[in-house]
Amino acid sequence: MKTMNRLWTVEEVAEYLGVPVGTLYQWRCKRIGPPGRRIGKHLRYLPEDVHAWVREQT
């Protein structure tokens, strides 16, 4: 049975990428950062989406 990964918070993604939280929100507005999802009023990220986005960067 595959274990489900939990979603990452904005703070966790910012720490992983080494950027300020504000940068993630700016990227989201410009649609240039890792794809996030709204879960209710919260922004969350799938870890595999963040990893894929990092691999796509040149």
PDB file of N, CA and C in Angstrom:
ATOM      1  N   MET A   1       0.844  -1.189   0.000  1.00  0.00           N
ATOM      2  CA  MET A   1       0.000   0.000   0.000  1.00  0.00           C
ATOM      3  C   MET A   1       0.885   1.246   0.000  1.00  0.00           C
ATOM      4  N   LYS A   2       0.599   2.165  -0.889  1.00  0.00           N
ATOM      5  CA  LYS A   2       1.389   3.389  -1.007  1.00  0.00           C
ATOM      6  C   LYS A   2       0.984   4.391   0.080  1.00  0.00           C
ATOM      7  N   THR A   3       1.975   4.959   0.752  1.00  0.00           N
ATOM      8  CA  THR A   3       1.707   5.965   1.769  1.00  0.00           C
ATOM      9  C   THR A   3       1.449   7.300   1.082  1.00  0.00           C
ATOM     10  N   MET A   4       0.394   7.984   1.504  1.00  0.00           N
ATOM     11  CA  MET A   4       0.050   9.283   0.924  1.00  0.00           C
ATOM     12  C   MET A   4       0.973  10.357   1.489  1.00  0.00           C
ATOM     13  N   ASN A   5       1.504  11.197   0.621  1.00  0.00           N
ATOM     14  CA  ASN A   5       2.286  12.346   1.070  1.00  0.00           C
ATOM     15  C   ASN A   5       1.324  13.426   1.519  1.00  0.00           C
ATOM     16  N   ARG A   6       1.691  14.110   2.576  1.00  0.00           N
ATOM     17  CA  ARG A   6       0.844  15.232   2.984  1.00  0.00           C
ATOM     18  C   ARG A   6       1.217  16.455   2.151  1.00  0.00           C
ATOM     19  N   LEU A   7       0.311  17.386   2.076  1.00  0.00           N
ATOM     20  CA  LEU A   7       0.544  18.612   1.326  1.00  0.00           C
ATOM     21  C   LEU A   7       1.478  19.525   2.116  1.00  0.00           C
ATOM     22  N   TRP A   8       2.272  20.313   1.392  1.00  0.00           N
ATOM     23  CA  TRP A   8       3.195  21.258   2.024  1.00  0.00           C
ATOM     24  C   TRP A   8       2.532  22.621   2.148  1.00  0.00           C
ATOM     25  N   THR A   9       2.868  23.312   3.220  1.00  0.00           N
ATOM     26  CA  THR A   9       2.408  24.688   3.409  1.00  0.00           C
ATOM     27  C   THR A   9       3.310  25.635   2.615  1.00  0.00           C
ATOM     28  N   VAL A  10       2.872  26.872   2.508  1.00  0.00           N
ATOM     29  CA  VAL A  10       3.685  27.892   1.839  1.00  0.00           C
ATOM     30  C   VAL A  10       5.027  28.039   2.555  1.00  0.00           C
ATOM     31  N   GLU A  11       4.996  28.019   3.866  1.00  0.00           N
ATOM     32  CA  GLU A  11       6.230  28.163   4.644  1.00  0.00           C
ATOM     33  C   GLU A  11       7.195  27.010   4.388  1.00  0.00           C
ATOM     34  N   GLU A  12       6.666  25.804   4.274  1.00  0.00           N
ATOM     35  CA  GLU A  12       7.528  24.645   4.017  1.00  0.00           C
ATOM     36  C   GLU A  12       8.140  24.700   2.620  1.00  0.00           C
ATOM     37  N   VAL A  13       7.363  25.136   1.631  1.00  0.00           N
ATOM     38  CA  VAL A  13       7.888  25.256   0.266  1.00  0.00           C
ATOM     39  C   VAL A  13       8.950  26.348   0.216  1.00  0.00           C
ATOM     40  N   ALA A  14       8.688  27.471   0.879  1.00  0.00           N
ATOM     41  CA  ALA A  14       9.660  28.563   0.906  1.00  0.00           C
ATOM     42  C   ALA A  14      10.967  28.096   1.535  1.00  0.00           C
ATOM     43  N   GLU A  15      10.875  27.346   2.630  1.00  0.00           N
ATOM     44  CA  GLU A  15      12.081  26.833   3.279  1.00  0.00           C
ATOM     45  C   GLU A  15      12.806  25.858   2.363  1.00  0.00           C
ATOM     46  N   TYR A  16      12.073  24.962   1.728  1.00  0.00           N
ATOM     47  CA  TYR A  16      12.676  23.980   0.820  1.00  0.00           C
ATOM     48  C   TYR A  16      13.413  24.668  -0.328  1.00  0.00           C
ATOM     49  N   LEU A  17      12.788  25.709  -0.902  1.00  0.00           N
ATOM     50  CA  LEU A  17      13.390  26.405  -2.041  1.00  0.00           C
ATOM     51  C   LEU A  17      14.404  27.467  -1.617  1.00  0.00           C
ATOM     52  N   GLY A  18      14.394  27.836  -0.341  1.00  0.00           N
ATOM     53  CA  GLY A  18      15.311  28.867   0.139  1.00  0.00           C
ATOM     54  C   GLY A  18      14.932  30.254  -0.314  1.00  0.00           C
ATOM     55  N   VAL A  19      13.623  30.514  -0.408  1.00  0.00           N
ATOM     56  CA  VAL A  19      13.130  31.833  -0.814  1.00  0.00           C
ATOM     57  C   VAL A  19      12.137  32.330   0.236  1.00  0.00           C
ATOM     58  N   PRO A  20      11.918  33.648   0.307  1.00  0.00           N
ATOM     59  CA  PRO A  20      10.917  34.168   1.237  1.00  0.00           C
ATOM     60  C   PRO A  20       9.499  33.751   0.820  1.00  0.00           C
ATOM     61  N   VAL A  21       8.616  33.688   1.799  1.00  0.00           N
ATOM     62  CA  VAL A  21       7.217  33.350   1.536  1.00  0.00           C
ATOM     63  C   VAL A  21       6.612  34.327   0.527  1.00  0.00           C
ATOM     64  N   GLY A  22       6.944  35.606   0.667  1.00  0.00           N
ATOM     65  CA  GLY A  22       6.419  36.622  -0.253  1.00  0.00           C
ATOM     66  C   GLY A  22       6.776  36.338  -1.704  1.00  0.00           C
ATOM     67  N   THR A  23       7.945  35.772  -1.925  1.00  0.00           N
ATOM     68  CA  THR A  23       8.360  35.420  -3.284  1.00  0.00           C
ATOM     69  C   THR A  23       7.426  34.372  -3.872  1.00  0.00           C
ATOM     70  N   LEU A  24       7.038  33.385  -3.072  1.00  0.00           N
ATOM     71  CA  LEU A  24       6.108  32.365  -3.573  1.00  0.00           C
ATOM     72  C   LEU A  24       4.778  32.986  -3.985  1.00  0.00           C
ATOM     73  N   TYR A  25       4.278  33.926  -3.180  1.00  0.00           N
ATOM     74  CA  TYR A  25       3.018  34.579  -3.529  1.00  0.00           C
ATOM     75  C   TYR A  25       3.171  35.425  -4.804  1.00  0.00           C
ATOM     76  N   GLN A  26       4.318  36.088  -4.960  1.00  0.00           N
ATOM     77  CA  GLN A  26       4.567  36.858  -6.186  1.00  0.00           C
ATOM     78  C   GLN A  26       4.622  35.935  -7.394  1.00  0.00           C
ATOM     79  N   TRP A  27       5.341  34.824  -7.262  1.00  0.00           N
ATOM     80  CA  TRP A  27       5.423  33.860  -8.361  1.00  0.00           C
ATOM     81  C   TRP A  27       4.036  33.336  -8.717  1.00  0.00           C
ATOM     82  N   ARG A  28       3.225  33.076  -7.690  1.00  0.00           N
ATOM     83  CA  ARG A  28       1.873  32.553  -7.933  1.00  0.00           C
ATOM     84  C   ARG A  28       1.050  33.546  -8.745  1.00  0.00           C
ATOM     85  N   CYS A  29       1.146  34.818  -8.391  1.00  0.00           N
ATOM     86  CA  CYS A  29       0.411  35.859  -9.135  1.00  0.00           C
ATOM     87  C   CYS A  29       0.882  35.944 -10.587  1.00  0.00           C
ATOM     88  N   LYS A  30       2.177  35.745 -10.795  1.00  0.00           N
ATOM     89  CA  LYS A  30       2.758  35.809 -12.142  1.00  0.00           C
ATOM     90  C   LYS A  30       2.693  34.463 -12.863  1.00  0.00           C
ATOM     91  N   ARG A  31       2.229  33.424 -12.167  1.00  0.00           N
ATOM     92  CA  ARG A  31       2.126  32.067 -12.701  1.00  0.00           C
ATOM     93  C   ARG A  31       3.478  31.524 -13.178  1.00  0.00           C
ATOM     94  N   ILE A  32       4.522  31.776 -12.366  1.00  0.00           N
ATOM     95  CA  ILE A  32       5.848  31.292 -12.751  1.00  0.00           C
ATOM     96  C   ILE A  32       6.446  30.340 -11.718  1.00  0.00           C
ATOM     97  N   GLY A  33       5.799  30.160 -10.590  1.00  0.00           N
ATOM     98  CA  GLY A  33       6.336  29.299  -9.542  1.00  0.00           C
ATOM     99  C   GLY A  33       5.732  27.912  -9.579  1.00  0.00           C
ATOM    100  N   PRO A  34       6.048  27.113  -8.581  1.00  0.00           N
ATOM    101  CA  PRO A  34       5.459  25.773  -8.514  1.00  0.00           C
ATOM    102  C   PRO A  34       3.944  25.874  -8.350  1.00  0.00           C
ATOM    103  N   PRO A  35       3.199  24.956  -8.951  1.00  0.00           N
ATOM    104  CA  PRO A  35       1.739  25.037  -8.871  1.00  0.00           C
ATOM    105  C   PRO A  35       1.231  24.727  -7.466  1.00  0.00           C
ATOM    106  N   GLY A  36       0.412  25.617  -6.958  1.00  0.00           N
ATOM    107  CA  GLY A  36      -0.212  25.422  -5.655  1.00  0.00           C
ATOM    108  C   GLY A  36      -1.705  25.227  -5.826  1.00  0.00           C
ATOM    109  N   ARG A  37      -2.346  24.774  -4.758  1.00  0.00           N
ATOM    110  CA  ARG A  37      -3.784  24.531  -4.780  1.00  0.00           C
ATOM    111  C   ARG A  37      -4.415  25.165  -3.563  1.00  0.00           C
ATOM    112  N   ARG A  38      -5.592  25.717  -3.758  1.00  0.00           N
ATOM    113  CA  ARG A  38      -6.355  26.235  -2.637  1.00  0.00           C
ATOM    114  C   ARG A  38      -7.151  25.089  -2.025  1.00  0.00           C
ATOM    115  N   ILE A  39      -6.955  24.890  -0.740  1.00  0.00           N
ATOM    116  CA  ILE A  39      -7.729  23.923   0.025  1.00  0.00           C
ATOM    117  C   ILE A  39      -8.484  24.772   1.045  1.00  0.00           C
ATOM    118  N   GLY A  40      -9.746  25.062   0.735  1.00  0.00           N
ATOM    119  CA  GLY A  40     -10.476  26.029   1.554  1.00  0.00           C
ATOM    120  C   GLY A  40      -9.809  27.380   1.409  1.00  0.00           C
ATOM    121  N   LYS A  41      -9.427  27.972   2.528  1.00  0.00           N
ATOM    122  CA  LYS A  41      -8.748  29.276   2.473  1.00  0.00           C
ATOM    123  C   LYS A  41      -7.232  29.153   2.513  1.00  0.00           C
ATOM    124  N   HIS A  42      -6.724  27.925   2.466  1.00  0.00           N
ATOM    125  CA  HIS A  42      -5.290  27.685   2.596  1.00  0.00           C
ATOM    126  C   HIS A  42      -4.657  27.309   1.257  1.00  0.00           C
ATOM    127  N   LEU A  43      -3.441  27.796   1.043  1.00  0.00           N
ATOM    128  CA  LEU A  43      -2.665  27.437  -0.135  1.00  0.00           C
ATOM    129  C   LEU A  43      -1.760  26.272   0.234  1.00  0.00           C
ATOM    130  N   ARG A  44      -1.828  25.215  -0.553  1.00  0.00           N
ATOM    131  CA  ARG A  44      -1.023  24.022  -0.290  1.00  0.00           C
ATOM    132  C   ARG A  44      -0.366  23.552  -1.586  1.00  0.00           C
ATOM    133  N   TYR A  45       0.730  22.812  -1.426  1.00  0.00           N
ATOM    134  CA  TYR A  45       1.503  22.314  -2.556  1.00  0.00           C
ATOM    135  C   TYR A  45       1.683  20.812  -2.437  1.00  0.00           C
ATOM    136  N   LEU A  46       1.582  20.117  -3.561  1.00  0.00           N
ATOM    137  CA  LEU A  46       1.946  18.707  -3.605  1.00  0.00           C
ATOM    138  C   LEU A  46       3.464  18.633  -3.712  1.00  0.00           C
ATOM    139  N   PRO A  47       4.111  17.881  -2.824  1.00  0.00           N
ATOM    140  CA  PRO A  47       5.580  17.802  -2.882  1.00  0.00           C
ATOM    141  C   PRO A  47       6.091  17.387  -4.260  1.00  0.00           C
ATOM    142  N   GLU A  48       5.419  16.455  -4.916  1.00  0.00           N
ATOM    143  CA  GLU A  48       5.889  16.007  -6.236  1.00  0.00           C
ATOM    144  C   GLU A  48       5.795  17.117  -7.280  1.00  0.00           C
ATOM    145  N   ASP A  49       4.810  18.039  -7.142  1.00  0.00           N
ATOM    146  CA  ASP A  49       4.722  19.179  -8.057  1.00  0.00           C
ATOM    147  C   ASP A  49       5.887  20.139  -7.844  1.00  0.00           C
ATOM    148  N   VAL A  50       6.241  20.343  -6.587  1.00  0.00           N
ATOM    149  CA  VAL A  50       7.369  21.235  -6.275  1.00  0.00           C
ATOM    150  C   VAL A  50       8.668  20.636  -6.817  1.00  0.00           C
ATOM    151  N   HIS A  51       8.867  19.335  -6.589  1.00  0.00           N
ATOM    152  CA  HIS A  51      10.076  18.675  -7.097  1.00  0.00           C
ATOM    153  C   HIS A  51      10.135  18.732  -8.619  1.00  0.00           C
ATOM    154  N   ALA A  52       9.012  18.502  -9.296  1.00  0.00           N
ATOM    155  CA  ALA A  52       8.967  18.567 -10.763  1.00  0.00           C
ATOM    156  C   ALA A  52       9.279  19.963 -11.251  1.00  0.00           C
ATOM    157  N   TRP A  53       8.738  20.985 -10.588  1.00  0.00           N
ATOM    158  CA  TRP A  53       8.988  22.362 -10.982  1.00  0.00           C
ATOM    159  C   TRP A  53      10.473  22.693 -10.855  1.00  0.00           C
ATOM    160  N   VAL A  54      11.098  22.234  -9.773  1.00  0.00           N
ATOM    161  CA  VAL A  54      12.531  22.488  -9.588  1.00  0.00           C
ATOM    162  C   VAL A  54      13.329  21.842 -10.716  1.00  0.00           C
ATOM    163  N   ARG A  55      12.968  20.603 -11.074  1.00  0.00           N
ATOM    164  CA  ARG A  55      13.698  19.906 -12.156  1.00  0.00           C
ATOM    165  C   ARG A  55      13.545  20.626 -13.497  1.00  0.00           C
ATOM    166  N   GLU A  56      12.427  21.322 -13.708  1.00  0.00           N
ATOM    167  CA  GLU A  56      12.178  22.014 -14.976  1.00  0.00           C
ATOM    168  C   GLU A  56      12.941  23.325 -15.113  1.00  0.00           C
ATOM    169  N   GLN A  57      13.458  23.848 -13.999  1.00  0.00           N
ATOM    170  CA  GLN A  57      14.146  25.132 -14.041  1.00  0.00           C
ATOM    171  C   GLN A  57      15.518  24.976 -14.686  1.00  0.00           C
ATOM    172  N   THR A  58      15.901  25.960 -15.495  1.00  0.00           N
ATOM    173  CA  THR A  58      17.202  25.905 -16.170  1.00  0.00           C
ATOM    174  C   THR A  58      18.158  26.922 -15.576  1.00  0.00           C
TER     175      THR A  58
END
